[in-house]
């Protein structure tokens, strides 16, 4: 095996699979609470982004919150559920 082949193999990196965190519409929580909870759970979200996510879930039943590594997705999903919101994750294909 040549040195070139070994070098090429060592530079090939597989990306960790990414997951989508989804917010489902509910008829229980106020829109303000959903926006506040999204912003507190996913610190990178701005208020306009959180409002858009909430409105998307409200009008179509489902909204993408964030796409990230599985461990983070599971954390966000569980945090949203613990705060009374309906959330699931799925692989980002």
PDB file of N, CA and C in Angstrom:
ATOM      1  N   UNK A   1       0.855  -1.177   0.000  1.00  0.00           N
ATOM      2  CA  UNK A   1       0.000   0.000   0.000  1.00  0.00           C
ATOM      3  C   UNK A   1       0.895   1.232   0.000  1.00  0.00           C
ATOM      4  N   UNK A   2       0.581   2.158  -0.859  1.00  0.00           N
ATOM      5  CA  UNK A   2       1.403   3.367  -0.953  1.00  0.00           C
ATOM      6  C   UNK A   2       1.037   4.353   0.152  1.00  0.00           C
ATOM      7  N   UNK A   3       1.945   5.259   0.415  1.00  0.00           N
ATOM      8  CA  UNK A   3       1.718   6.303   1.413  1.00  0.00           C
ATOM      9  C   UNK A   3       0.530   7.165   0.991  1.00  0.00           C
ATOM     10  N   UNK A   4       0.400   7.415  -0.311  1.00  0.00           N
ATOM     11  CA  UNK A   4      -0.704   8.242  -0.823  1.00  0.00           C
ATOM     12  C   UNK A   4      -2.063   7.627  -0.462  1.00  0.00           C
ATOM     13  N   UNK A   5      -2.190   6.323  -0.614  1.00  0.00           N
ATOM     14  CA  UNK A   5      -3.442   5.647  -0.293  1.00  0.00           C
ATOM     15  C   UNK A   5      -3.774   5.787   1.189  1.00  0.00           C
ATOM     16  N   UNK A   6      -2.778   5.604   2.042  1.00  0.00           N
ATOM     17  CA  UNK A   6      -2.988   5.714   3.489  1.00  0.00           C
ATOM     18  C   UNK A   6      -3.415   7.138   3.842  1.00  0.00           C
ATOM     19  N   UNK A   7      -2.759   8.142   3.269  1.00  0.00           N
ATOM     20  CA  UNK A   7      -3.109   9.538   3.548  1.00  0.00           C
ATOM     21  C   UNK A   7      -4.540   9.835   3.130  1.00  0.00           C
ATOM     22  N   UNK A   8      -4.941   9.344   1.973  1.00  0.00           N
ATOM     23  CA  UNK A   8      -6.305   9.604   1.504  1.00  0.00           C
ATOM     24  C   UNK A   8      -7.323   8.978   2.445  1.00  0.00           C
ATOM     25  N   UNK A   9      -7.047   7.768   2.896  1.00  0.00           N
ATOM     26  CA  UNK A   9      -7.967   7.102   3.809  1.00  0.00           C
ATOM     27  C   UNK A   9      -8.112   7.862   5.113  1.00  0.00           C
ATOM     28  N   UNK A  10      -7.024   8.403   5.619  1.00  0.00           N
ATOM     29  CA  UNK A  10      -7.078   9.070   6.920  1.00  0.00           C
ATOM     30  C   UNK A  10      -7.800  10.417   6.853  1.00  0.00           C
ATOM     31  N   UNK A  11      -7.914  11.004   5.664  1.00  0.00           N
ATOM     32  CA  UNK A  11      -8.581  12.300   5.574  1.00  0.00           C
ATOM     33  C   UNK A  11     -10.071  12.175   5.287  1.00  0.00           C
ATOM     34  N   UNK A  12     -10.532  10.962   4.958  1.00  0.00           N
ATOM     35  CA  UNK A  12     -11.961  10.777   4.704  1.00  0.00           C
ATOM     36  C   UNK A  12     -12.681  10.710   6.046  1.00  0.00           C
ATOM     37  N   UNK A  13     -13.605  11.621   6.246  1.00  0.00           N
ATOM     38  CA  UNK A  13     -14.353  11.670   7.503  1.00  0.00           C
ATOM     39  C   UNK A  13     -15.822  11.468   7.225  1.00  0.00           C
ATOM     40  N   UNK A  14     -16.448  10.637   8.039  1.00  0.00           N
ATOM     41  CA  UNK A  14     -17.897  10.485   7.934  1.00  0.00           C
ATOM     42  C   UNK A  14     -18.529  11.492   8.875  1.00  0.00           C
ATOM     43  N   UNK A  15     -19.509  12.209   8.384  1.00  0.00           N
ATOM     44  CA  UNK A  15     -20.216  13.151   9.239  1.00  0.00           C
ATOM     45  C   UNK A  15     -21.208  12.393  10.104  1.00  0.00           C
ATOM     46  N   UNK A  16     -21.339  12.850  11.319  1.00  0.00           N
ATOM     47  CA  UNK A  16     -22.324  12.251  12.218  1.00  0.00           C
ATOM     48  C   UNK A  16     -23.702  12.471  11.613  1.00  0.00           C
ATOM     49  N   UNK A  17     -24.571  11.462  11.689  1.00  0.00           N
ATOM     50  CA  UNK A  17     -25.919  11.647  11.134  1.00  0.00           C
ATOM     51  C   UNK A  17     -26.629  12.798  11.841  1.00  0.00           C
ATOM     52  N   UNK A  18     -27.394  13.557  11.077  1.00  0.00           N
ATOM     53  CA  UNK A  18     -28.105  14.702  11.633  1.00  0.00           C
ATOM     54  C   UNK A  18     -29.573  14.363  11.795  1.00  0.00           C
ATOM     55  N   UNK A  19     -30.185  15.003  12.769  1.00  0.00           N
ATOM     56  CA  UNK A  19     -31.590  14.747  13.083  1.00  0.00           C
ATOM     57  C   UNK A  19     -32.371  16.049  13.111  1.00  0.00           C
ATOM     58  N   UNK A  20     -33.629  15.936  12.706  1.00  0.00           N
ATOM     59  CA  UNK A  20     -34.530  17.085  12.731  1.00  0.00           C
ATOM     60  C   UNK A  20     -35.358  17.032  14.005  1.00  0.00           C
ATOM     61  N   UNK A  21     -35.439  18.160  14.684  1.00  0.00           N
ATOM     62  CA  UNK A  21     -36.315  18.297  15.850  1.00  0.00           C
ATOM     63  C   UNK A  21     -37.593  18.948  15.334  1.00  0.00           C
ATOM     64  N   UNK A  22     -38.720  18.269  15.546  1.00  0.00           N
ATOM     65  CA  UNK A  22     -40.002  18.738  15.026  1.00  0.00           C
ATOM     66  C   UNK A  22     -40.920  19.157  16.168  1.00  0.00           C
ATOM     67  N   UNK A  23     -41.616  20.256  15.951  1.00  0.00           N
ATOM     68  CA  UNK A  23     -42.612  20.737  16.899  1.00  0.00           C
ATOM     69  C   UNK A  23     -43.987  20.449  16.322  1.00  0.00           C
ATOM     70  N   UNK A  24     -44.843  19.815  17.122  1.00  0.00           N
ATOM     71  CA  UNK A  24     -46.196  19.507  16.685  1.00  0.00           C
ATOM     72  C   UNK A  24     -47.158  20.540  17.268  1.00  0.00           C
ATOM     73  N   UNK A  25     -48.186  20.857  16.527  1.00  0.00           N
ATOM     74  CA  UNK A  25     -49.190  21.797  17.022  1.00  0.00           C
ATOM     75  C   UNK A  25     -49.922  21.188  18.211  1.00  0.00           C
ATOM     76  N   UNK A  26     -50.305  22.034  19.138  1.00  0.00           N
ATOM     77  CA  UNK A  26     -51.179  21.599  20.226  1.00  0.00           C
ATOM     78  C   UNK A  26     -52.208  22.691  20.488  1.00  0.00           C
ATOM     79  N   UNK A  27     -53.280  22.306  21.125  1.00  0.00           N
ATOM     80  CA  UNK A  27     -54.362  23.256  21.420  1.00  0.00           C
ATOM     81  C   UNK A  27     -54.352  23.685  22.879  1.00  0.00           C
ATOM     82  N   UNK A  28     -53.241  23.461  23.570  1.00  0.00           N
ATOM     83  CA  UNK A  28     -53.189  23.706  25.006  1.00  0.00           C
ATOM     84  C   UNK A  28     -52.368  24.935  25.376  1.00  0.00           C
ATOM     85  N   UNK A  29     -51.200  25.105  24.747  1.00  0.00           N
ATOM     86  CA  UNK A  29     -50.274  26.167  25.127  1.00  0.00           C
ATOM     87  C   UNK A  29     -50.515  27.439  24.320  1.00  0.00           C
ATOM     88  N   UNK A  30     -50.311  28.579  24.969  1.00  0.00           N
ATOM     89  CA  UNK A  30     -50.471  29.858  24.268  1.00  0.00           C
ATOM     90  C   UNK A  30     -49.314  30.042  23.285  1.00  0.00           C
ATOM     91  N   UNK A  31     -49.562  30.825  22.253  1.00  0.00           N
ATOM     92  CA  UNK A  31     -48.529  31.104  21.255  1.00  0.00           C
ATOM     93  C   UNK A  31     -47.318  31.756  21.922  1.00  0.00           C
ATOM     94  N   UNK A  32     -47.567  32.649  22.866  1.00  0.00           N
ATOM     95  CA  UNK A  32     -46.473  33.330  23.571  1.00  0.00           C
ATOM     96  C   UNK A  32     -45.604  32.330  24.334  1.00  0.00           C
ATOM     97  N   UNK A  33     -46.266  31.373  24.989  1.00  0.00           N
ATOM     98  CA  UNK A  33     -45.534  30.363  25.755  1.00  0.00           C
ATOM     99  C   UNK A  33     -44.671  29.510  24.824  1.00  0.00           C
ATOM    100  N   UNK A  34     -45.211  29.115  23.685  1.00  0.00           N
ATOM    101  CA  UNK A  34     -44.468  28.288  22.730  1.00  0.00           C
ATOM    102  C   UNK A  34     -43.228  29.044  22.244  1.00  0.00           C
ATOM    103  N   UNK A  35     -43.395  30.308  21.875  1.00  0.00           N
ATOM    104  CA  UNK A  35     -42.261  31.116  21.400  1.00  0.00           C
ATOM    105  C   UNK A  35     -41.206  31.238  22.491  1.00  0.00           C
ATOM    106  N   UNK A  36     -41.638  31.557  23.710  1.00  0.00           N
ATOM    107  CA  UNK A  36     -40.721  31.709  24.845  1.00  0.00           C
ATOM    108  C   UNK A  36     -39.971  30.405  25.105  1.00  0.00           C
ATOM    109  N   UNK A  37     -40.689  29.283  25.086  1.00  0.00           N
ATOM    110  CA  UNK A  37     -40.086  27.978  25.352  1.00  0.00           C
ATOM    111  C   UNK A  37     -39.088  27.598  24.257  1.00  0.00           C
ATOM    112  N   UNK A  38     -39.434  27.858  23.005  1.00  0.00           N
ATOM    113  CA  UNK A  38     -38.493  27.577  21.908  1.00  0.00           C
ATOM    114  C   UNK A  38     -37.194  28.353  22.106  1.00  0.00           C
ATOM    115  N   UNK A  39     -37.305  29.639  22.434  1.00  0.00           N
ATOM    116  CA  UNK A  39     -36.115  30.474  22.602  1.00  0.00           C
ATOM    117  C   UNK A  39     -35.284  30.042  23.811  1.00  0.00           C
ATOM    118  N   UNK A  40     -35.945  29.599  24.876  1.00  0.00           N
ATOM    119  CA  UNK A  40     -35.223  29.143  26.069  1.00  0.00           C
ATOM    120  C   UNK A  40     -34.572  27.782  25.844  1.00  0.00           C
ATOM    121  N   UNK A  41     -35.188  26.952  25.014  1.00  0.00           N
ATOM    122  CA  UNK A  41     -34.673  25.600  24.773  1.00  0.00           C
ATOM    123  C   UNK A  41     -33.532  25.605  23.762  1.00  0.00           C
ATOM    124  N   UNK A  42     -33.721  26.329  22.654  1.00  0.00           N
ATOM    125  CA  UNK A  42     -32.711  26.398  21.596  1.00  0.00           C
ATOM    126  C   UNK A  42     -32.160  27.829  21.598  1.00  0.00           C
ATOM    127  N   UNK A  43     -31.059  28.010  22.301  1.00  0.00           N
ATOM    128  CA  UNK A  43     -30.517  29.356  22.542  1.00  0.00           C
ATOM    129  C   UNK A  43     -30.185  30.126  21.263  1.00  0.00           C
ATOM    130  N   UNK A  44     -29.922  29.410  20.165  1.00  0.00           N
ATOM    131  CA  UNK A  44     -29.548  30.085  18.916  1.00  0.00           C
ATOM    132  C   UNK A  44     -30.750  30.704  18.195  1.00  0.00           C
ATOM    133  N   UNK A  45     -31.959  30.380  18.627  1.00  0.00           N
ATOM    134  CA  UNK A  45     -33.149  30.920  17.950  1.00  0.00           C
ATOM    135  C   UNK A  45     -33.408  32.367  18.354  1.00  0.00           C
ATOM    136  N   UNK A  46     -33.692  33.188  17.346  1.00  0.00           N
ATOM    137  CA  UNK A  46     -34.114  34.564  17.613  1.00  0.00           C
ATOM    138  C   UNK A  46     -35.629  34.565  17.806  1.00  0.00           C
ATOM    139  N   UNK A  47     -36.152  35.669  18.314  1.00  0.00           N
ATOM    140  CA  UNK A  47     -37.609  35.742  18.501  1.00  0.00           C
ATOM    141  C   UNK A  47     -38.347  35.595  17.172  1.00  0.00           C
ATOM    142  N   UNK A  48     -37.932  36.298  16.087  1.00  0.00           N
ATOM    143  CA  UNK A  48     -38.641  36.099  14.802  1.00  0.00           C
ATOM    144  C   UNK A  48     -38.600  34.647  14.316  1.00  0.00           C
ATOM    145  N   UNK A  49     -37.471  33.957  14.524  1.00  0.00           N
ATOM    146  CA  UNK A  49     -37.388  32.547  14.114  1.00  0.00           C
ATOM    147  C   UNK A  49     -38.357  31.701  14.945  1.00  0.00           C
ATOM    148  N   UNK A  50     -38.386  31.932  16.245  1.00  0.00           N
ATOM    149  CA  UNK A  50     -39.277  31.171  17.127  1.00  0.00           C
ATOM    150  C   UNK A  50     -40.738  31.432  16.769  1.00  0.00           C
ATOM    151  N   UNK A  51     -41.071  32.683  16.446  1.00  0.00           N
ATOM    152  CA  UNK A  51     -42.441  33.011  16.035  1.00  0.00           C
ATOM    153  C   UNK A  51     -42.783  32.264  14.741  1.00  0.00           C
ATOM    154  N   UNK A  52     -41.855  32.236  13.783  1.00  0.00           N
ATOM    155  CA  UNK A  52     -42.095  31.529  12.516  1.00  0.00           C
ATOM    156  C   UNK A  52     -42.305  30.033  12.743  1.00  0.00           C
ATOM    157  N   UNK A  53     -41.513  29.433  13.618  1.00  0.00           N
ATOM    158  CA  UNK A  53     -41.650  28.004  13.922  1.00  0.00           C
ATOM    159  C   UNK A  53     -43.013  27.739  14.559  1.00  0.00           C
ATOM    160  N   UNK A  54     -43.374  28.573  15.528  1.00  0.00           N
ATOM    161  CA  UNK A  54     -44.666  28.418  16.205  1.00  0.00           C
ATOM    162  C   UNK A  54     -45.811  28.546  15.203  1.00  0.00           C
ATOM    163  N   UNK A  55     -45.740  29.554  14.314  1.00  0.00           N
ATOM    164  CA  UNK A  55     -46.815  29.762  13.332  1.00  0.00           C
ATOM    165  C   UNK A  55     -46.902  28.603  12.337  1.00  0.00           C
ATOM    166  N   UNK A  56     -45.758  28.087  11.927  1.00  0.00           N
ATOM    167  CA  UNK A  56     -45.733  26.940  11.007  1.00  0.00           C
ATOM    168  C   UNK A  56     -46.417  25.733  11.657  1.00  0.00           C
ATOM    169  N   UNK A  57     -46.089  25.455  12.920  1.00  0.00           N
ATOM    170  CA  UNK A  57     -46.720  24.337  13.628  1.00  0.00           C
ATOM    171  C   UNK A  57     -48.215  24.596  13.787  1.00  0.00           C
ATOM    172  N   UNK A  58     -48.567  25.839  14.071  1.00  0.00           N
ATOM    173  CA  UNK A  58     -49.966  26.207  14.287  1.00  0.00           C
ATOM    174  C   UNK A  58     -50.798  26.033  13.009  1.00  0.00           C
ATOM    175  N   UNK A  59     -50.252  26.447  11.884  1.00  0.00           N
ATOM    176  CA  UNK A  59     -51.024  26.421  10.635  1.00  0.00           C
ATOM    177  C   UNK A  59     -50.949  25.083   9.906  1.00  0.00           C
ATOM    178  N   UNK A  60     -49.790  24.414   9.946  1.00  0.00           N
ATOM    179  CA  UNK A  60     -49.679  23.164   9.180  1.00  0.00           C
ATOM    180  C   UNK A  60     -49.592  21.919  10.062  1.00  0.00           C
ATOM    181  N   UNK A  61     -49.525  22.104  11.381  1.00  0.00           N
ATOM    182  CA  UNK A  61     -49.514  20.960  12.278  1.00  0.00           C
ATOM    183  C   UNK A  61     -48.134  20.487  12.686  1.00  0.00           C
ATOM    184  N   UNK A  62     -47.091  20.941  11.964  1.00  0.00           N
ATOM    185  CA  UNK A  62     -45.740  20.447  12.209  1.00  0.00           C
ATOM    186  C   UNK A  62     -44.744  21.495  11.743  1.00  0.00           C
ATOM    187  N   UNK A  63     -43.657  21.664  12.506  1.00  0.00           N
ATOM    188  CA  UNK A  63     -42.630  22.625  12.105  1.00  0.00           C
ATOM    189  C   UNK A  63     -41.247  22.105  12.472  1.00  0.00           C
ATOM    190  N   UNK A  64     -40.274  22.423  11.641  1.00  0.00           N
ATOM    191  CA  UNK A  64     -38.878  22.094  11.913  1.00  0.00           C
ATOM    192  C   UNK A  64     -38.316  23.132  12.876  1.00  0.00           C
ATOM    193  N   UNK A  65     -37.787  22.663  13.999  1.00  0.00           N
ATOM    194  CA  UNK A  65     -37.189  23.571  14.988  1.00  0.00           C
ATOM    195  C   UNK A  65     -35.715  23.768  14.670  1.00  0.00           C
ATOM    196  N   UNK A  66     -34.967  22.653  14.547  1.00  0.00           N
ATOM    197  CA  UNK A  66     -33.531  22.712  14.294  1.00  0.00           C
ATOM    198  C   UNK A  66     -33.083  21.356  13.759  1.00  0.00           C
ATOM    199  N   UNK A  67     -32.004  21.349  12.997  1.00  0.00           N
ATOM    200  CA  UNK A  67     -31.365  20.121  12.540  1.00  0.00           C
ATOM    201  C   UNK A  67     -29.979  20.088  13.168  1.00  0.00           C
ATOM    202  N   UNK A  68     -29.663  18.975  13.851  1.00  0.00           N
ATOM    203  CA  UNK A  68     -28.403  18.913  14.590  1.00  0.00           C
ATOM    204  C   UNK A  68     -28.009  17.455  14.828  1.00  0.00           C
ATOM    205  N   UNK A  69     -26.924  17.245  15.555  1.00  0.00           N
ATOM    206  CA  UNK A  69     -26.472  15.898  15.909  1.00  0.00           C
ATOM    207  C   UNK A  69     -27.540  15.212  16.774  1.00  0.00           C
ATOM    208  N   UNK A  70     -27.572  13.891  16.727  1.00  0.00           N
ATOM    209  CA  UNK A  70     -28.614  13.131  17.421  1.00  0.00           C
ATOM    210  C   UNK A  70     -28.679  13.443  18.911  1.00  0.00           C
ATOM    211  N   UNK A  71     -27.543  13.530  19.572  1.00  0.00           N
ATOM    212  CA  UNK A  71     -27.533  13.779  21.018  1.00  0.00           C
ATOM    213  C   UNK A  71     -28.189  15.120  21.349  1.00  0.00           C
ATOM    214  N   UNK A  72     -27.866  16.151  20.563  1.00  0.00           N
ATOM    215  CA  UNK A  72     -28.484  17.466  20.773  1.00  0.00           C
ATOM    216  C   UNK A  72     -29.979  17.419  20.448  1.00  0.00           C
ATOM    217  N   UNK A  73     -30.328  16.734  19.365  1.00  0.00           N
ATOM    218  CA  UNK A  73     -31.734  16.637  18.963  1.00  0.00           C
ATOM    219  C   UNK A  73     -32.558  15.977  20.065  1.00  0.00           C
ATOM    220  N   UNK A  74     -32.023  14.902  20.644  1.00  0.00           N
ATOM    221  CA  UNK A  74     -32.736  14.213  21.722  1.00  0.00           C
ATOM    222  C   UNK A  74     -32.903  15.135  22.934  1.00  0.00           C
ATOM    223  N   UNK A  75     -31.856  15.911  23.233  1.00  0.00           N
ATOM    224  CA  UNK A  75     -31.931  16.851  24.354  1.00  0.00           C
ATOM    225  C   UNK A  75     -33.003  17.914  24.109  1.00  0.00           C
ATOM    226  N   UNK A  76     -32.992  18.524  22.922  1.00  0.00           N
ATOM    227  CA  UNK A  76     -33.980  19.554  22.605  1.00  0.00           C
ATOM    228  C   UNK A  76     -35.398  18.993  22.659  1.00  0.00           C
ATOM    229  N   UNK A  77     -35.586  17.820  22.072  1.00  0.00           N
ATOM    230  CA  UNK A  77     -36.903  17.179  22.034  1.00  0.00           C
ATOM    231  C   UNK A  77     -37.407  16.906  23.449  1.00  0.00           C
ATOM    232  N   UNK A  78     -36.559  16.327  24.287  1.00  0.00           N
ATOM    233  CA  UNK A  78     -36.957  16.015  25.663  1.00  0.00           C
ATOM    234  C   UNK A  78     -37.248  17.287  26.455  1.00  0.00           C
ATOM    235  N   UNK A  79     -36.446  18.322  26.240  1.00  0.00           N
ATOM    236  CA  UNK A  79     -36.656  19.584  26.945  1.00  0.00           C
ATOM    237  C   UNK A  79     -38.000  20.191  26.556  1.00  0.00           C
ATOM    238  N   UNK A  80     -38.307  20.184  25.262  1.00  0.00           N
ATOM    239  CA  UNK A  80     -39.598  20.709  24.802  1.00  0.00           C
ATOM    240  C   UNK A  80     -40.745  19.915  25.408  1.00  0.00           C
ATOM    241  N   UNK A  81     -40.616  18.582  25.429  1.00  0.00           N
ATOM    242  CA  UNK A  81     -41.661  17.728  26.012  1.00  0.00           C
ATOM    243  C   UNK A  81     -41.829  18.018  27.497  1.00  0.00           C
ATOM    244  N   UNK A  82     -40.710  18.191  28.202  1.00  0.00           N
ATOM    245  CA  UNK A  82     -40.762  18.463  29.641  1.00  0.00           C
ATOM    246  C   UNK A  82     -41.417  19.810  29.941  1.00  0.00           C
ATOM    247  N   UNK A  83     -41.423  20.691  28.962  1.00  0.00           N
ATOM    248  CA  UNK A  83     -42.050  22.008  29.114  1.00  0.00           C
ATOM    249  C   UNK A  83     -43.485  22.002  28.578  1.00  0.00           C
ATOM    250  N   UNK A  84     -43.993  20.813  28.231  1.00  0.00           N
ATOM    251  CA  UNK A  84     -45.392  20.679  27.842  1.00  0.00           C
ATOM    252  C   UNK A  84     -45.676  20.807  26.352  1.00  0.00           C
ATOM    253  N   UNK A  85     -44.620  20.820  25.530  1.00  0.00           N
ATOM    254  CA  UNK A  85     -44.827  20.903  24.081  1.00  0.00           C
ATOM    255  C   UNK A  85     -44.681  19.518  23.466  1.00  0.00           C
ATOM    256  N   UNK A  86     -45.330  19.315  22.331  1.00  0.00           N
ATOM    257  CA  UNK A  86     -45.269  18.042  21.630  1.00  0.00           C
ATOM    258  C   UNK A  86     -44.151  18.104  20.600  1.00  0.00           C
ATOM    259  N   UNK A  87     -43.159  17.204  20.745  1.00  0.00           N
ATOM    260  CA  UNK A  87     -41.981  17.226  19.879  1.00  0.00           C
ATOM    261  C   UNK A  87     -41.513  15.814  19.575  1.00  0.00           C
ATOM    262  N   UNK A  88     -40.965  15.643  18.384  1.00  0.00           N
ATOM    263  CA  UNK A  88     -40.349  14.363  17.987  1.00  0.00           C
ATOM    264  C   UNK A  88     -39.070  14.670  17.232  1.00  0.00           C
ATOM    265  N   UNK A  89     -38.241  13.632  17.033  1.00  0.00           N
ATOM    266  CA  UNK A  89     -37.074  13.781  16.166  1.00  0.00           C
ATOM    267  C   UNK A  89     -37.130  12.721  15.082  1.00  0.00           C
ATOM    268  N   UNK A  90     -36.469  13.022  13.968  1.00  0.00           N
ATOM    269  CA  UNK A  90     -36.368  12.058  12.871  1.00  0.00           C
ATOM    270  C   UNK A  90     -35.052  12.287  12.166  1.00  0.00           C
ATOM    271  N   UNK A  91     -34.507  11.231  11.535  1.00  0.00           N
ATOM    272  CA  UNK A  91     -33.252  11.416  10.797  1.00  0.00           C
ATOM    273  C   UNK A  91     -33.432  12.434   9.666  1.00  0.00           C
ATOM    274  N   UNK A  92     -32.410  13.241   9.439  1.00  0.00           N
ATOM    275  CA  UNK A  92     -32.416  14.215   8.355  1.00  0.00           C
ATOM    276  C   UNK A  92     -31.808  13.537   7.141  1.00  0.00           C
ATOM    277  N   UNK A  93     -32.657  13.188   6.175  1.00  0.00           N
ATOM    278  CA  UNK A  93     -32.151  12.437   5.012  1.00  0.00           C
ATOM    279  C   UNK A  93     -32.005  13.320   3.807  1.00  0.00           C
TER     280      UNK A  93
END
